[in-house]
C-alpha atoms as a PDB file:
ATOM      1  CA  MET A   1       0.000   0.000   0.000  1.00  0.00           C
ATOM      2  CA  ASP A   2       1.152   3.548  -0.618  1.00  0.00           C
ATOM      3  CA  ASP A   3       2.558   5.564   2.283  1.00  0.00           C
ATOM      4  CA  GLN A   4      -0.603   7.131   3.700  1.00  0.00           C
ATOM      5  CA  SER A   5       1.295   9.844   5.574  1.00  0.00           C
ATOM      6  CA  GLN A   6       1.940  11.753   2.340  1.00  0.00           C
ATOM      7  CA  PHE A   7      -1.775  12.062   1.541  1.00  0.00           C
ATOM      8  CA  ALA A   8      -4.498  14.023   3.324  1.00  0.00           C
ATOM      9  CA  TYR A   9      -7.134  11.606   1.978  1.00  0.00           C
ATOM     10  CA  ASP A  10      -7.343   7.934   1.096  1.00  0.00           C
ATOM     11  CA  VAL A  11      -9.777   8.480  -1.753  1.00  0.00           C
ATOM     12  CA  PHE A  12     -11.311  11.255  -3.828  1.00  0.00           C
ATOM     13  CA  ILE A  13     -14.713  10.544  -5.405  1.00  0.00           C
ATOM     14  CA  SER A  14     -15.039  11.807  -8.978  1.00  0.00           C
ATOM     15  CA  TYR A  15     -18.670  11.671 -10.082  1.00  0.00           C
ATOM     16  CA  SER A  16     -21.413  13.384 -12.039  1.00  0.00           C
ATOM     17  CA  HIS A  17     -23.822  15.441  -9.955  1.00  0.00           C
ATOM     18  CA  ALA A  18     -26.621  13.606 -11.742  1.00  0.00           C
ATOM     19  CA  ASP A  19     -25.548  10.586  -9.649  1.00  0.00           C
ATOM     20  CA  LYS A  20     -25.179  12.466  -6.356  1.00  0.00           C
ATOM     21  CA  ASP A  21     -28.002  10.665  -4.517  1.00  0.00           C
ATOM     22  CA  TRP A  22     -26.260   7.292  -4.698  1.00  0.00           C
ATOM     23  CA  VAL A  23     -22.782   8.728  -4.284  1.00  0.00           C
ATOM     24  CA  ARG A  24     -23.604  10.779  -1.187  1.00  0.00           C
ATOM     25  CA  GLY A  25     -26.248   8.499   0.260  1.00  0.00           C
ATOM     26  CA  GLU A  26     -24.490   5.152  -0.159  1.00  0.00           C
ATOM     27  CA  LEU A  27     -20.955   5.251  -1.554  1.00  0.00           C
ATOM     28  CA  LEU A  28     -19.628   8.007   0.708  1.00  0.00           C
ATOM     29  CA  LYS A  29     -21.157   6.472   3.825  1.00  0.00           C
ATOM     30  CA  ARG A  30     -19.856   3.004   3.008  1.00  0.00           C
ATOM     31  CA  LEU A  31     -16.309   4.218   2.367  1.00  0.00           C
ATOM     32  CA  GLU A  32     -16.183   6.213   5.602  1.00  0.00           C
ATOM     33  CA  ALA A  33     -17.713   3.307   7.521  1.00  0.00           C
ATOM     34  CA  SER A  34     -14.697   1.315   6.277  1.00  0.00           C
ATOM     35  CA  SER A  35     -12.315   3.801   7.936  1.00  0.00           C
ATOM     36  CA  LEU A  36     -11.294   5.545   4.713  1.00  0.00           C
ATOM     37  CA  ARG A  37     -10.563   9.276   4.614  1.00  0.00           C
ATOM     38  CA  VAL A  38     -12.768  10.523   1.791  1.00  0.00           C
ATOM     39  CA  CYS A  39     -12.599  13.759  -0.198  1.00  0.00           C
ATOM     40  CA  ILE A  40     -15.838  14.788  -1.924  1.00  0.00           C
ATOM     41  CA  ASP A  41     -16.566  18.076  -3.638  1.00  0.00           C
ATOM     42  CA  TYR A  42     -19.724  19.355  -1.926  1.00  0.00           C
ATOM     43  CA  ARG A  43     -18.178  18.981   1.536  1.00  0.00           C
ATOM     44  CA  ASP A  44     -14.417  19.298   1.092  1.00  0.00           C
ATOM     45  CA  PHE A  45     -13.939  21.841  -1.698  1.00  0.00           C
ATOM     46  CA  GLN A  46     -13.236  25.272  -0.235  1.00  0.00           C
ATOM     47  CA  PRO A  47     -15.943  27.903  -0.821  1.00  0.00           C
ATOM     48  CA  GLY A  48     -14.783  30.685  -3.134  1.00  0.00           C
ATOM     49  CA  ALA A  49     -11.928  28.657  -4.642  1.00  0.00           C
ATOM     50  CA  PRO A  50     -11.963  27.924  -8.400  1.00  0.00           C
ATOM     51  CA  SER A  51     -13.330  24.464  -9.195  1.00  0.00           C
ATOM     52  CA  VAL A  52     -10.269  23.631 -11.307  1.00  0.00           C
ATOM     53  CA  THR A  53      -7.798  24.311  -8.494  1.00  0.00           C
ATOM     54  CA  GLU A  54      -9.936  22.367  -6.012  1.00  0.00           C
ATOM     55  CA  MET A  55     -10.046  19.391  -8.394  1.00  0.00           C
ATOM     56  CA  GLU A  56      -6.278  19.529  -8.670  1.00  0.00           C
ATOM     57  CA  ARG A  57      -5.888  19.743  -4.895  1.00  0.00           C
ATOM     58  CA  ALA A  58      -8.214  16.782  -4.375  1.00  0.00           C
ATOM     59  CA  VAL A  59      -6.395  14.616  -6.919  1.00  0.00           C
ATOM     60  CA  LEU A  60      -2.950  15.413  -5.537  1.00  0.00           C
ATOM     61  CA  ALA A  61      -4.006  15.047  -1.889  1.00  0.00           C
ATOM     62  CA  SER A  62      -5.707  11.657  -2.388  1.00  0.00           C
ATOM     63  CA  ARG A  63      -4.028   8.270  -2.467  1.00  0.00           C
ATOM     64  CA  LYS A  64      -6.691   6.913  -4.862  1.00  0.00           C
ATOM     65  CA  THR A  65      -9.526   8.353  -6.942  1.00  0.00           C
ATOM     66  CA  VAL A  66     -12.763   6.477  -7.590  1.00  0.00           C
ATOM     67  CA  LEU A  67     -14.455   7.230 -10.910  1.00  0.00           C
ATOM     68  CA  VAL A  68     -18.214   6.619 -10.654  1.00  0.00           C
ATOM     69  CA  LEU A  69     -18.889   5.624 -14.251  1.00  0.00           C
ATOM     70  CA  THR A  70     -22.354   6.304 -15.684  1.00  0.00           C
ATOM     71  CA  PRO A  71     -23.595   7.816 -18.959  1.00  0.00           C
ATOM     72  CA  ASP A  72     -23.761  11.229 -17.255  1.00  0.00           C
ATOM     73  CA  TYR A  73     -20.186  10.889 -16.019  1.00  0.00           C
ATOM     74  CA  VAL A  74     -18.810   9.980 -19.447  1.00  0.00           C
ATOM     75  CA  ALA A  75     -20.687  12.899 -21.043  1.00  0.00           C
ATOM     76  CA  SER A  76     -19.412  15.499 -18.568  1.00  0.00           C
ATOM     77  CA  ALA A  77     -16.567  17.811 -19.583  1.00  0.00           C
ATOM     78  CA  TRP A  78     -15.644  18.406 -15.931  1.00  0.00           C
ATOM     79  CA  THR A  79     -15.237  14.727 -15.130  1.00  0.00           C
ATOM     80  CA  GLU A  80     -13.223  14.273 -18.326  1.00  0.00           C
ATOM     81  CA  PHE A  81     -10.904  16.993 -17.065  1.00  0.00           C
ATOM     82  CA  GLU A  82     -10.506  15.242 -13.692  1.00  0.00           C
ATOM     83  CA  THR A  83      -9.731  11.937 -15.365  1.00  0.00           C
ATOM     84  CA  LEU A  84      -7.112  13.425 -17.690  1.00  0.00           C
ATOM     85  CA  MET A  85      -5.509  15.221 -14.750  1.00  0.00           C
ATOM     86  CA  LEU A  86      -5.260  11.928 -12.879  1.00  0.00           C
ATOM     87  CA  GLN A  87      -3.749  10.107 -15.811  1.00  0.00           C
ATOM     88  CA  THR A  88      -0.908  12.607 -16.064  1.00  0.00           C
ATOM     89  CA  LEU A  89       0.150  11.444 -12.569  1.00  0.00           C
ATOM     90  CA  ASP A  90       0.072   7.723 -13.369  1.00  0.00           C
ATOM     91  CA  PRO A  91      -0.214   7.225 -17.160  1.00  0.00           C
ATOM     92  CA  ALA A  92       0.626   3.520 -17.095  1.00  0.00           C
ATOM     93  CA  ALA A  93      -1.561   2.843 -14.005  1.00  0.00           C
ATOM     94  CA  ARG A  94       1.396   1.348 -12.155  1.00  0.00           C
ATOM     95  CA  GLN A  95       0.431   3.081  -8.902  1.00  0.00           C
ATOM     96  CA  ARG A  96      -3.266   2.178  -9.287  1.00  0.00           C
ATOM     97  CA  ARG A  97      -4.233   5.799  -8.570  1.00  0.00           C
ATOM     98  CA  ILE A  98      -7.493   5.434 -10.558  1.00  0.00           C
ATOM     99  CA  ILE A  99     -10.163   2.957  -9.422  1.00  0.00           C
ATOM    100  CA  PRO A 100     -13.085   2.770 -11.904  1.00  0.00           C
ATOM    101  CA  LEU A 101     -16.509   1.944 -10.459  1.00  0.00           C
ATOM    102  CA  LEU A 102     -19.033   0.990 -13.137  1.00  0.00           C
ATOM    103  CA  LYS A 103     -22.394   2.075 -11.716  1.00  0.00           C
ATOM    104  CA  ALA A 104     -24.348   1.842 -14.990  1.00  0.00           C
ATOM    105  CA  ARG A 105     -23.564   0.260 -18.333  1.00  0.00           C
ATOM    106  CA  VAL A 106     -21.995   2.762 -20.711  1.00  0.00           C
ATOM    107  CA  GLU A 107     -19.559   2.789 -23.630  1.00  0.00           C
ATOM    108  CA  LEU A 108     -16.315   3.789 -21.949  1.00  0.00           C
ATOM    109  CA  PRO A 109     -13.724   6.033 -23.612  1.00  0.00           C
ATOM    110  CA  LEU A 110     -10.403   4.433 -24.472  1.00  0.00           C
ATOM    111  CA  ARG A 111      -8.589   6.332 -21.690  1.00  0.00           C
ATOM    112  CA  ILE A 112     -10.662   4.388 -19.127  1.00  0.00           C
ATOM    113  CA  ARG A 113     -11.533   1.201 -20.984  1.00  0.00           C
ATOM    114  CA  TYR A 114      -8.099  -0.373 -20.481  1.00  0.00           C
ATOM    115  CA  LEU A 115      -8.530  -0.363 -16.675  1.00  0.00           C
ATOM    116  CA  ASN A 116     -10.277  -3.120 -14.735  1.00  0.00           C
ATOM    117  CA  TYR A 117     -13.301  -1.847 -12.805  1.00  0.00           C
ATOM    118  CA  ALA A 118     -15.506  -2.781  -9.872  1.00  0.00           C
ATOM    119  CA  ASP A 119     -18.826  -3.687 -11.506  1.00  0.00           C
ATOM    120  CA  PHE A 120     -21.828  -2.283  -9.613  1.00  0.00           C
ATOM    121  CA  SER A 121     -24.131  -2.437 -12.644  1.00  0.00           C
ATOM    122  CA  ASP A 122     -25.515  -5.895 -11.806  1.00  0.00           C
ATOM    123  CA  PRO A 123     -27.662  -5.946  -8.620  1.00  0.00           C
ATOM    124  CA  GLN A 124     -26.843  -9.643  -8.178  1.00  0.00           C
ATOM    125  CA  ASP A 125     -23.127  -8.935  -7.743  1.00  0.00           C
ATOM    126  CA  GLN A 126     -23.218  -6.042  -5.270  1.00  0.00           C
ATOM    127  CA  ALA A 127     -21.480  -7.909  -2.427  1.00  0.00           C
ATOM    128  CA  LEU A 128     -18.587  -8.905  -4.667  1.00  0.00           C
ATOM    129  CA  ALA A 129     -18.378  -5.386  -6.115  1.00  0.00           C
ATOM    130  CA  TRP A 130     -18.113  -3.822  -2.645  1.00  0.00           C
ATOM    131  CA  THR A 131     -15.427  -6.286  -1.604  1.00  0.00           C
ATOM    132  CA  ARG A 132     -13.371  -5.650  -4.742  1.00  0.00           C
ATOM    133  CA  LEU A 133     -13.711  -1.877  -4.401  1.00  0.00           C
ATOM    134  CA  LEU A 134     -12.782  -1.724  -0.702  1.00  0.00           C
ATOM    135  CA  ASN A 135      -9.854  -4.085  -1.202  1.00  0.00           C
ATOM    136  CA  ALA A 136      -8.595  -1.917  -4.078  1.00  0.00           C
ATOM    137  CA  LEU A 137      -8.810   1.152  -1.824  1.00  0.00           C
ATOM    138  CA  GLY A 138      -6.913  -0.589   0.960  1.00  0.00           C
ATOM    139  CA  ALA A 139      -9.731  -0.321   3.501  1.00  0.00           C
ATOM    140  CA  SER A 140      -8.598  -1.458   6.938  1.00  0.00           C
ATOM    141  CA  THR A 141     -12.073  -2.829   7.654  1.00  0.00           C
ATOM    142  CA  ILE A 142     -14.862  -3.859   5.332  1.00  0.00           C
ATOM    143  CA  ALA A 143     -18.120  -2.774   6.921  1.00  0.00           C
ATOM    144  CA  PRO A 144     -21.512  -4.190   5.966  1.00  0.00           C
ATOM    145  CA  PRO A 145     -23.909  -1.935   4.045  1.00  0.00           C
ATOM    146  CA  GLY A 146     -25.347   0.858   6.172  1.00  0.00           C
ATOM    147  CA  ALA A 147     -22.882   0.386   9.016  1.00  0.00           C
ATOM    148  CA  PRO A 148     -21.875   3.640  10.767  1.00  0.00           C
ATOM    149  CA  PRO A 149     -18.219   4.515  11.342  1.00  0.00           C
ATOM    150  CA  THR A 150     -16.835   2.715  14.383  1.00  0.00           C
ATOM    151  CA  PRO A 151     -16.495   5.241  17.232  1.00  0.00           C
ATOM    152  CA  PRO A 152     -13.436   5.351  19.489  1.00  0.00           C
ATOM    153  CA  PRO A 153     -13.769   4.261  23.118  1.00  0.00           C
ATOM    154  CA  PRO A 154     -15.965   6.599  25.195  1.00  0.00           C
ATOM    155  CA  THR A 155     -13.019   7.839  27.239  1.00  0.00           C
ATOM    156  CA  ALA A 156     -11.059   8.958  24.169  1.00  0.00           C
ATOM    157  CA  SER A 157     -12.723  12.386  24.062  1.00  0.00           C
ATOM    158  CA  ALA A 158     -12.342  13.095  27.779  1.00  0.00           C
ATOM    159  CA  THR A 159      -8.555  13.342  28.138  1.00  0.00           C
ATOM    160  CA  PRO A 160      -6.921  13.718  24.718  1.00  0.00           C
ATOM    161  CA  ASP A 161      -3.145  13.819  24.462  1.00  0.00           C
ATOM    162  CA  LEU A 162      -2.734  17.301  22.990  1.00  0.00           C
ATOM    163  CA  GLN A 163       0.604  16.600  21.337  1.00  0.00           C
ATOM    164  CA  VAL A 164      -0.732  13.484  19.615  1.00  0.00           C
ATOM    165  CA  LEU A 165      -3.979  15.206  18.667  1.00  0.00           C
ATOM    166  CA  ARG A 166      -2.123  18.225  17.282  1.00  0.00           C
ATOM    167  CA  GLN A 167       0.038  16.023  15.062  1.00  0.00           C
ATOM    168  CA  LYS A 168      -2.990  14.084  13.796  1.00  0.00           C
ATOM    169  CA  LEU A 169      -4.793  17.305  12.912  1.00  0.00           C
ATOM    170  CA  ILE A 170      -1.750  18.572  11.015  1.00  0.00           C
ATOM    171  CA  ASP A 171      -1.070  15.297   9.190  1.00  0.00           C
ATOM    172  CA  ARG A 172      -4.603  14.153   8.429  1.00  0.00           C
ATOM    173  CA  CYS A 173      -6.659  17.327   7.971  1.00  0.00           C
ATOM    174  CA  SER A 174      -6.670  19.775   5.113  1.00  0.00           C
ATOM    175  CA  GLU A 175      -7.290  23.461   5.787  1.00  0.00           C
ATOM    176  CA  GLY A 176     -10.841  22.885   4.603  1.00  0.00           C
ATOM    177  CA  ASP A 177     -11.293  20.044   7.121  1.00  0.00           C
ATOM    178  CA  LEU A 178     -10.140  22.273   9.989  1.00  0.00           C
ATOM    179  CA  ARG A 179     -12.474  25.080   8.995  1.00  0.00           C
ATOM    180  CA  ASP A 180     -15.358  22.618   8.660  1.00  0.00           C
ATOM    181  CA  VAL A 181     -14.821  21.514  12.265  1.00  0.00           C
ATOM    182  CA  CYS A 182     -14.658  25.136  13.417  1.00  0.00           C
ATOM    183  CA  PHE A 183     -17.914  25.835  11.597  1.00  0.00           C
ATOM    184  CA  VAL A 184     -19.645  22.843  13.215  1.00  0.00           C
ATOM    185  CA  MET A 185     -18.473  24.033  16.657  1.00  0.00           C
ATOM    186  CA  GLY A 186     -19.494  27.632  16.010  1.00  0.00           C
ATOM    187  CA  ILE A 187     -15.899  28.903  16.173  1.00  0.00           C
ATOM    188  CA  ASP A 188     -14.849  32.042  14.284  1.00  0.00           C
ATOM    189  CA  ASP A 189     -11.562  30.924  12.726  1.00  0.00           C
ATOM    190  CA  GLU A 190     -10.740  34.184  10.933  1.00  0.00           C
ATOM    191  CA  ASN A 191      -8.366  35.328  13.689  1.00  0.00           C
ATOM    192  CA  TYR A 192      -6.291  32.149  13.711  1.00  0.00           C
ATOM    193  CA  PRO A 193      -2.964  32.054  11.806  1.00  0.00           C
ATOM    194  CA  LYS A 194      -3.027  30.997   8.148  1.00  0.00           C
ATOM    195  CA  ALA A 195      -0.223  28.418   8.471  1.00  0.00           C
ATOM    196  CA  LYS A 196      -1.803  25.051   9.316  1.00  0.00           C
ATOM    197  CA  GLY A 197       0.579  24.143  12.157  1.00  0.00           C
ATOM    198  CA  ASP A 198       0.087  27.501  13.881  1.00  0.00           C
ATOM    199  CA  PHE A 199      -3.671  27.328  13.242  1.00  0.00           C
ATOM    200  CA  VAL A 200      -3.897  23.936  14.975  1.00  0.00           C
ATOM    201  CA  ARG A 201      -1.694  24.982  17.903  1.00  0.00           C
ATOM    202  CA  GLU A 202      -3.708  28.108  18.677  1.00  0.00           C
ATOM    203  CA  LEU A 203      -7.036  26.341  18.148  1.00  0.00           C
ATOM    204  CA  LEU A 204      -6.122  23.640  20.670  1.00  0.00           C
ATOM    205  CA  GLN A 205      -4.804  26.171  23.185  1.00  0.00           C
ATOM    206  CA  ASP A 206      -7.994  28.193  22.854  1.00  0.00           C
ATOM    207  CA  LEU A 207     -10.239  25.167  23.274  1.00  0.00           C
ATOM    208  CA  LYS A 208      -8.246  23.950  26.276  1.00  0.00           C
ATOM    209  CA  ARG A 209      -8.659  27.330  28.009  1.00  0.00           C
ATOM    210  CA  ARG A 210     -12.405  27.181  27.347  1.00  0.00           C
ATOM    211  CA  ASP A 211     -12.764  23.500  28.389  1.00  0.00           C
ATOM    212  CA  ARG A 212     -14.053  22.594  24.925  1.00  0.00           C
ATOM    213  CA  LEU A 213     -11.582  19.839  24.020  1.00  0.00           C
ATOM    214  CA  PRO A 214     -14.150  17.047  24.625  1.00  0.00           C
ATOM    215  CA  GLU A 215     -16.500  18.903  22.282  1.00  0.00           C
ATOM    216  CA  LEU A 216     -13.757  18.984  19.647  1.00  0.00           C
ATOM    217  CA  MET A 217     -13.236  15.239  19.988  1.00  0.00           C
ATOM    218  CA  ASP A 218     -16.956  14.634  19.544  1.00  0.00           C
ATOM    219  CA  ALA A 219     -17.030  16.882  16.461  1.00  0.00           C
ATOM    220  CA  LEU A 220     -14.062  15.050  14.934  1.00  0.00           C
ATOM    221  CA  ARG A 221     -15.686  11.695  15.625  1.00  0.00           C
ATOM    222  CA  ARG A 222     -18.843  12.778  13.823  1.00  0.00           C
ATOM    223  CA  GLU A 223     -17.417  14.852  10.972  1.00  0.00           C
ATOM    224  CA  LYS A 224     -13.850  13.593  10.338  1.00  0.00           C
ATOM    225  CA  PRO A 225     -13.646  10.083  11.847  1.00  0.00           C
ATOM    226  CA  TRP A 226     -10.335   9.198  10.147  1.00  0.00           C
ATOM    227  CA  VAL A 227      -8.458  11.816  12.221  1.00  0.00           C
ATOM    228  CA  LEU A 228      -8.816   9.833  15.456  1.00  0.00           C
ATOM    229  CA  ARG A 229      -7.823   6.454  14.055  1.00  0.00           C
END
């Protein structure tokens, strides 16, 4: 498996918004229930940033990218751009950076057709398709459909080791992740430093002074479960 420490995410989901109900309602939940750190546009792209630069950031920051293949996906110019960007990083597919997921039967373009895919198009083979997909993504656990992410022990949020937590936040969170957590907790992050390490240090110091560290742990468990693994 690739060295996970060099990536903020395990997998980026590239999909057509026409397929968002299945992607957000089933695929995203299943991947995160299997302890994978997932990047998805509607949640992890930074507001106000150009879509092109956020696509590039997601591709570079993710160990793998899943292509949710449907007729709408193949017809989309944006998804074509994402796929071509990915293939410049691994043109011969030696690193297995691209994982095709065939959700509906469609004539695939040559740039994708040469890759093996996880076939979700046949309802009779869903269990096998999930197993193949999660194995390809290097999931540490393979959760059954609908299973929620496994929470840490109840005492984990009560007395966090600040040094360990700080390093996890720096290594495993993007700037967008950190600001998402601040938003969920109702924290105005505009006055924190821009550099990620300084941002995390001051955030933790502030929350410790205000006795809100357990609340942070709960927010991370709900919103960014991979951070506390």
